[in-house]
Protein backbone atom coordinates (compact mmCIF):
# COMPACT_ATOMS: atom_id res chain seq x y z
CA MET A 1 0.09 0.08 -0.12
CA ILE A 2 1.41 3.78 -0.47
CA SER A 3 -0.51 6.50 1.28
CA TYR A 4 -0.57 10.33 0.18
CA GLU A 5 -0.81 13.09 2.97
CA PHE A 6 -3.02 16.24 1.89
CA PRO A 7 -2.51 18.91 4.06
CA VAL A 8 -5.88 21.02 3.98
CA ASN A 9 -4.10 24.59 5.68
CA GLU A 10 -0.67 26.33 5.26
CA ARG A 11 -0.09 25.60 8.97
CA ILE A 12 0.33 22.00 8.63
CA ARG A 13 1.47 22.05 5.04
CA THR A 14 4.60 23.98 6.59
CA LEU A 15 5.20 21.39 9.30
CA LEU A 16 5.06 19.00 6.86
CA ARG A 17 7.19 20.60 4.44
CA LEU A 18 9.74 21.21 7.62
CA GLU A 19 9.81 17.10 8.43
CA ASP A 20 10.62 16.59 4.90
CA LEU A 21 13.88 19.06 4.75
CA TYR A 22 14.84 18.10 8.66
CA ASP A 23 14.87 14.14 7.47
CA ARG A 24 16.93 14.77 4.33
CA THR A 25 19.46 17.15 5.64
CA ALA A 26 19.92 13.97 8.58
CA PHE A 27 20.33 11.79 5.76
CA PHE A 28 23.02 13.26 3.74
CA ALA A 29 24.55 14.47 7.25
CA SER A 30 25.70 10.88 8.16
CA ARG A 31 26.54 10.00 4.20
CA GLU A 32 30.70 10.83 3.40
CA HIS A 33 30.89 12.32 0.01
CA PRO A 34 31.43 15.79 -0.09
CA LEU A 35 28.50 16.13 -2.45
CA GLU A 36 26.25 14.37 -0.11
CA HIS A 37 27.48 16.86 2.91
CA HIS A 38 26.82 19.94 0.39
CA ALA A 39 23.35 18.93 -0.20
CA ALA A 40 22.96 18.76 3.93
CA LEU A 41 24.32 22.36 3.68
CA LEU A 42 21.22 23.06 1.46
CA GLY A 43 18.83 21.40 3.37
CA MET A 44 20.21 23.83 6.67
CA PHE A 45 19.45 26.65 4.63
CA GLU A 46 16.01 25.51 3.43
CA ILE A 47 15.32 24.86 6.97
CA MET A 48 16.13 28.38 7.57
CA GLU A 49 14.03 29.96 5.47
CA VAL A 50 10.88 27.72 6.21
CA ALA A 51 11.28 27.80 9.84
CA SER A 52 12.18 31.26 10.08
CA ARG A 53 8.31 32.69 10.47
CA ALA A 54 7.77 34.67 13.60
CA ASP A 55 5.02 32.30 14.37
CA LEU A 56 6.45 28.88 13.99
CA LYS A 57 8.09 28.78 17.49
CA SER A 58 4.66 30.58 19.10
CA ASP A 59 2.60 27.86 17.72
CA LEU A 60 4.75 24.86 18.59
CA LEU A 61 4.62 25.95 22.07
CA GLN A 62 0.64 26.84 21.95
CA GLU A 63 -0.20 23.72 20.44
CA LEU A 64 2.35 21.50 23.15
CA GLU A 65 0.64 22.91 25.70
CA ARG A 66 -2.66 22.59 24.57
CA GLN A 67 -1.84 18.70 23.94
CA ARG A 68 -0.90 18.53 27.14
CA GLN A 69 -3.64 19.71 29.08
CA THR A 70 -5.78 17.18 26.59
CA LEU A 71 -3.58 14.50 27.90
CA GLU A 72 -3.48 15.58 31.59
CA ALA A 73 -7.41 15.66 31.45
CA LEU A 74 -6.93 11.70 30.66
CA ARG A 75 -5.60 10.37 33.48
CA ASP A 76 -7.88 7.79 35.53
CA ASN A 77 -9.34 6.34 32.26
CA PRO A 78 -9.35 3.16 32.52
CA GLN A 79 -8.65 2.69 28.87
CA ILE A 80 -5.49 4.83 28.89
CA SER A 81 -1.95 2.95 29.41
CA GLU A 82 -0.83 5.60 32.23
CA GLU A 83 2.85 3.84 31.31
CA ALA A 84 2.40 5.63 27.82
CA LEU A 85 0.67 8.56 28.96
CA ASP A 86 3.28 9.54 31.03
CA MET A 87 6.09 9.20 28.90
CA VAL A 88 3.96 11.35 25.87
CA LEU A 89 3.71 13.96 28.69
CA ALA A 90 7.12 13.78 29.49
CA ASP A 91 8.37 13.80 25.88
CA ILE A 92 6.15 16.89 25.33
CA GLU A 93 7.33 18.74 28.42
CA GLN A 94 10.82 18.01 27.55
CA THR A 95 10.51 19.35 24.20
CA HIS A 96 8.61 22.65 25.15
CA ALA A 97 11.42 23.43 27.48
CA ARG A 98 14.08 22.84 24.45
CA LEU A 99 11.80 25.31 22.40
CA LEU A 100 12.26 27.88 25.20
CA GLU A 101 15.71 27.79 25.75
CA PRO A 102 16.82 29.61 22.23
CA THR A 103 16.77 33.03 22.19
CA GLY A 104 16.69 35.38 18.99
CA LYS A 105 15.70 34.63 15.49
CA PHE A 106 15.58 31.16 14.42
CA ALA A 107 19.32 29.52 13.06
CA GLN A 108 20.64 33.26 14.04
CA HIS A 109 24.31 31.12 14.59
CA LEU A 110 24.31 30.54 10.75
CA ARG A 111 23.26 34.05 9.56
CA GLU A 112 26.12 35.35 12.06
CA ASN A 113 28.68 32.90 10.11
CA GLU A 114 29.98 35.06 6.94
CA TRP A 115 31.46 31.61 5.71
CA LEU A 116 28.16 29.73 5.36
CA MET A 117 26.17 32.40 4.44
CA ALA A 118 28.42 33.04 1.40
CA ILE A 119 27.99 29.57 0.53
CA LYS A 120 24.37 30.50 0.59
CA GLN A 121 24.29 33.29 -1.72
CA ARG A 122 26.36 31.24 -3.83
CA SER A 123 24.10 28.47 -3.80
CA SER A 124 21.26 30.52 -5.49
CA ILE A 125 23.17 30.65 -8.40
CA PRO A 126 23.51 27.86 -10.79
CA GLY A 127 26.91 26.37 -10.74
CA GLY A 128 27.93 29.24 -8.23
CA VAL A 129 29.77 27.02 -5.95
CA CYS A 130 32.89 25.70 -8.12
CA GLU A 131 36.14 25.69 -6.79
CA PHE A 132 37.12 28.92 -8.11
CA ASP A 133 34.06 30.49 -6.54
CA LEU A 134 34.55 29.59 -3.04
CA PRO A 135 38.31 28.25 -2.44
CA SER A 136 37.84 28.33 0.98
CA TYR A 137 34.89 25.81 0.89
CA PHE A 138 36.04 23.49 -1.66
CA TYR A 139 39.25 23.15 1.01
CA TRP A 140 36.71 22.27 3.73
CA GLN A 141 34.89 19.52 1.34
CA GLN A 142 38.65 17.61 0.98
CA GLN A 143 38.83 17.30 4.88
CA ALA A 144 38.38 14.34 6.32
CA VAL A 145 34.77 13.09 6.64
CA SER A 146 34.79 13.20 10.75
CA VAL A 147 35.73 16.45 10.29
CA ARG A 148 33.18 17.51 8.04
CA GLN A 149 30.55 15.64 9.70
CA HIS A 150 31.03 16.85 12.83
CA ALA A 151 30.92 20.57 11.15
CA LEU A 152 27.31 19.66 10.10
CA GLN A 153 26.21 18.22 12.99
CA SER A 154 27.45 21.60 15.25
CA TRP A 155 25.38 23.14 12.80
CA LEU A 156 22.55 21.42 12.81
CA ALA A 157 21.90 21.00 16.54
CA PRO A 158 20.64 24.26 17.81
CA MET A 159 17.54 23.66 14.74
CA LEU A 160 16.84 20.81 16.36
CA SER A 161 14.51 21.60 18.84
CA ILE A 162 11.93 22.55 16.34
CA LYS A 163 12.09 19.26 14.98
CA ASP A 164 11.69 17.46 18.15
CA GLY A 165 7.76 19.98 18.44
CA ILE A 166 7.21 18.97 14.95
CA ASP A 167 7.69 15.55 15.28
CA ILE A 168 5.02 15.31 18.39
CA VAL A 169 2.81 17.79 16.88
CA LEU A 170 2.73 15.43 13.40
CA ARG A 171 2.73 12.12 15.39
CA ILE A 172 -0.46 13.29 17.06
CA LEU A 173 -2.10 14.52 13.98
CA ARG A 174 -1.78 11.15 12.04
CA ASN A 175 -2.32 9.08 15.23
CA SER A 176 -5.85 10.95 15.24
CA ALA A 177 -6.86 9.12 11.59
CA LYS A 178 -10.35 8.17 11.50
CA THR A 179 -10.13 6.04 8.10
CA PHE A 180 -12.93 4.94 5.81
CA PRO A 181 -12.87 2.59 3.01
CA LEU A 182 -14.21 4.17 -0.06
CA VAL A 183 -14.58 3.72 -3.76
CA ALA A 184 -13.79 6.49 -6.85
CA ARG A 185 -16.33 5.14 -9.27
CA GLY A 186 -14.70 5.91 -12.88
CA GLY A 187 -11.85 7.61 -11.07
CA ALA A 188 -13.23 10.52 -9.09
CA PHE A 189 -14.90 10.75 -5.75
CA GLN A 190 -16.63 13.65 -3.93
CA GLN A 191 -17.97 14.17 -0.45
CA MET A 192 -19.33 17.40 1.32
CA SER A 193 -17.89 18.04 4.29
CA GLY A 194 -20.57 19.76 6.05
CA GLY A 195 -18.75 22.79 7.32
CA LYS A 196 -16.40 20.37 9.23
CA THR A 197 -12.79 21.21 9.31
CA VAL A 198 -10.04 19.01 8.67
CA GLN A 199 -6.26 19.95 9.09
CA LEU A 200 -4.91 16.08 7.01
CA LEU A 201 -6.22 14.10 4.96
CA VAL A 202 -4.47 11.12 3.76
CA VAL A 203 -5.35 8.84 0.53
CA THR A 204 -3.98 5.15 0.94
CA VAL A 205 -4.36 2.94 -2.25
CA THR A 206 -2.43 -0.40 -3.53
CA ASN A 207 1.23 0.82 -5.08
CA ASP A 208 0.46 -1.31 -8.29
CA LEU A 209 -2.73 0.75 -9.16
CA GLY A 210 -0.82 2.85 -11.75
CA TYR A 211 -2.44 6.08 -10.85
CA VAL A 212 -2.05 8.88 -8.28
CA PRO A 213 -4.52 10.91 -6.57
CA GLU A 214 -5.06 14.41 -6.67
CA LEU A 215 -7.34 16.10 -4.02
CA SER A 216 -8.54 19.63 -3.27
CA ALA A 217 -10.41 20.26 0.04
CA ASN A 218 -12.23 23.11 1.55
CA LYS A 219 -14.81 22.87 4.29
CA TYR A 220 -17.87 22.57 1.99
CA ALA A 221 -16.39 19.62 -0.43
CA ILE A 222 -13.56 17.03 -0.85
CA ASN A 223 -12.88 16.35 -4.43
CA ILE A 224 -10.40 13.29 -5.19
CA ARG A 225 -9.53 12.32 -8.51
CA PHE A 226 -7.09 9.40 -10.24
CA VAL A 227 -4.55 10.56 -12.70
CA THR A 228 -2.06 8.42 -14.20
CA PRO A 229 1.49 10.08 -13.33
CA ALA A 230 2.97 12.61 -15.80
CA SER A 231 5.50 11.54 -17.54
CA GLY A 232 7.55 12.83 -21.03
CA SER A 233 4.77 15.11 -22.91
CA ASP A 234 1.98 12.76 -22.35
CA ARG A 235 -0.28 14.37 -20.37
CA PRO A 236 -2.24 13.26 -17.32
CA LYS A 237 -5.49 11.28 -18.01
CA GLN A 238 -7.74 10.34 -15.51
CA CYS A 239 -8.38 6.63 -14.69
CA GLU A 240 -12.09 5.37 -15.84
CA HIS A 241 -12.66 2.60 -14.09
CA ASP A 242 -13.26 2.26 -9.94
CA VAL A 243 -11.04 2.83 -7.43
CA ASP A 244 -10.93 1.06 -4.28
CA PHE A 245 -8.85 3.21 -1.70
CA THR A 246 -9.08 4.44 2.06
CA LEU A 247 -9.26 8.02 3.16
CA ALA A 248 -8.50 8.85 6.49
CA PHE A 249 -9.40 12.12 8.47
CA CYS A 250 -6.73 13.80 10.73
CA ASN A 251 -7.57 16.54 13.21
CA LEU A 252 -5.32 17.68 16.41
């Protein structure tokens, strides 16, 4: 099976983008080739840009506190494991405290590093980080793997509190899923929302279906159509037969 996540609002869209960027950056930072470490640096620069929204940190702090209060209210519920509840609450409280520690603008340590900012600026130019453009960067890329990995981890570490907050919020969001088996007649499906809000929709199909879902949603309706993946000069075509799928509704 393969699942496609569709954020319905800009807030969740930002969190999912950052989750992807953090995962990609961590992957390339753990590798060894200089080109992989260049990709890790580019990932950090993208994280810095996306996460620098002034209200992201406060949004995460507010959401973590809201979830903490909601979970605290579940104490003494016979259907809830106290041990599991304590672990989740401890995770939330520790992450909340770590988010409060940094002062100033997000990733300020990167902005204050003129060398890194020069790389960031040149990276926006196609082919702008050749050895003759930034000889000091080329020199760094020739250093031992351990030296480069240590530097990358030191630059990434101050940015991880945001990642921890995002991980908790998205985990709670995904765990809230209410899933329904449905059928898209002739490759199309529509459902009226009745004014109900939803933050994340997840469409799951068999991975050998040969079609991908396209989704649009608002507080009035959800529209899904299954189309062929675009390739080359071929335009996507809507599936003509019925498609079995599941649709999950997720809300914090």
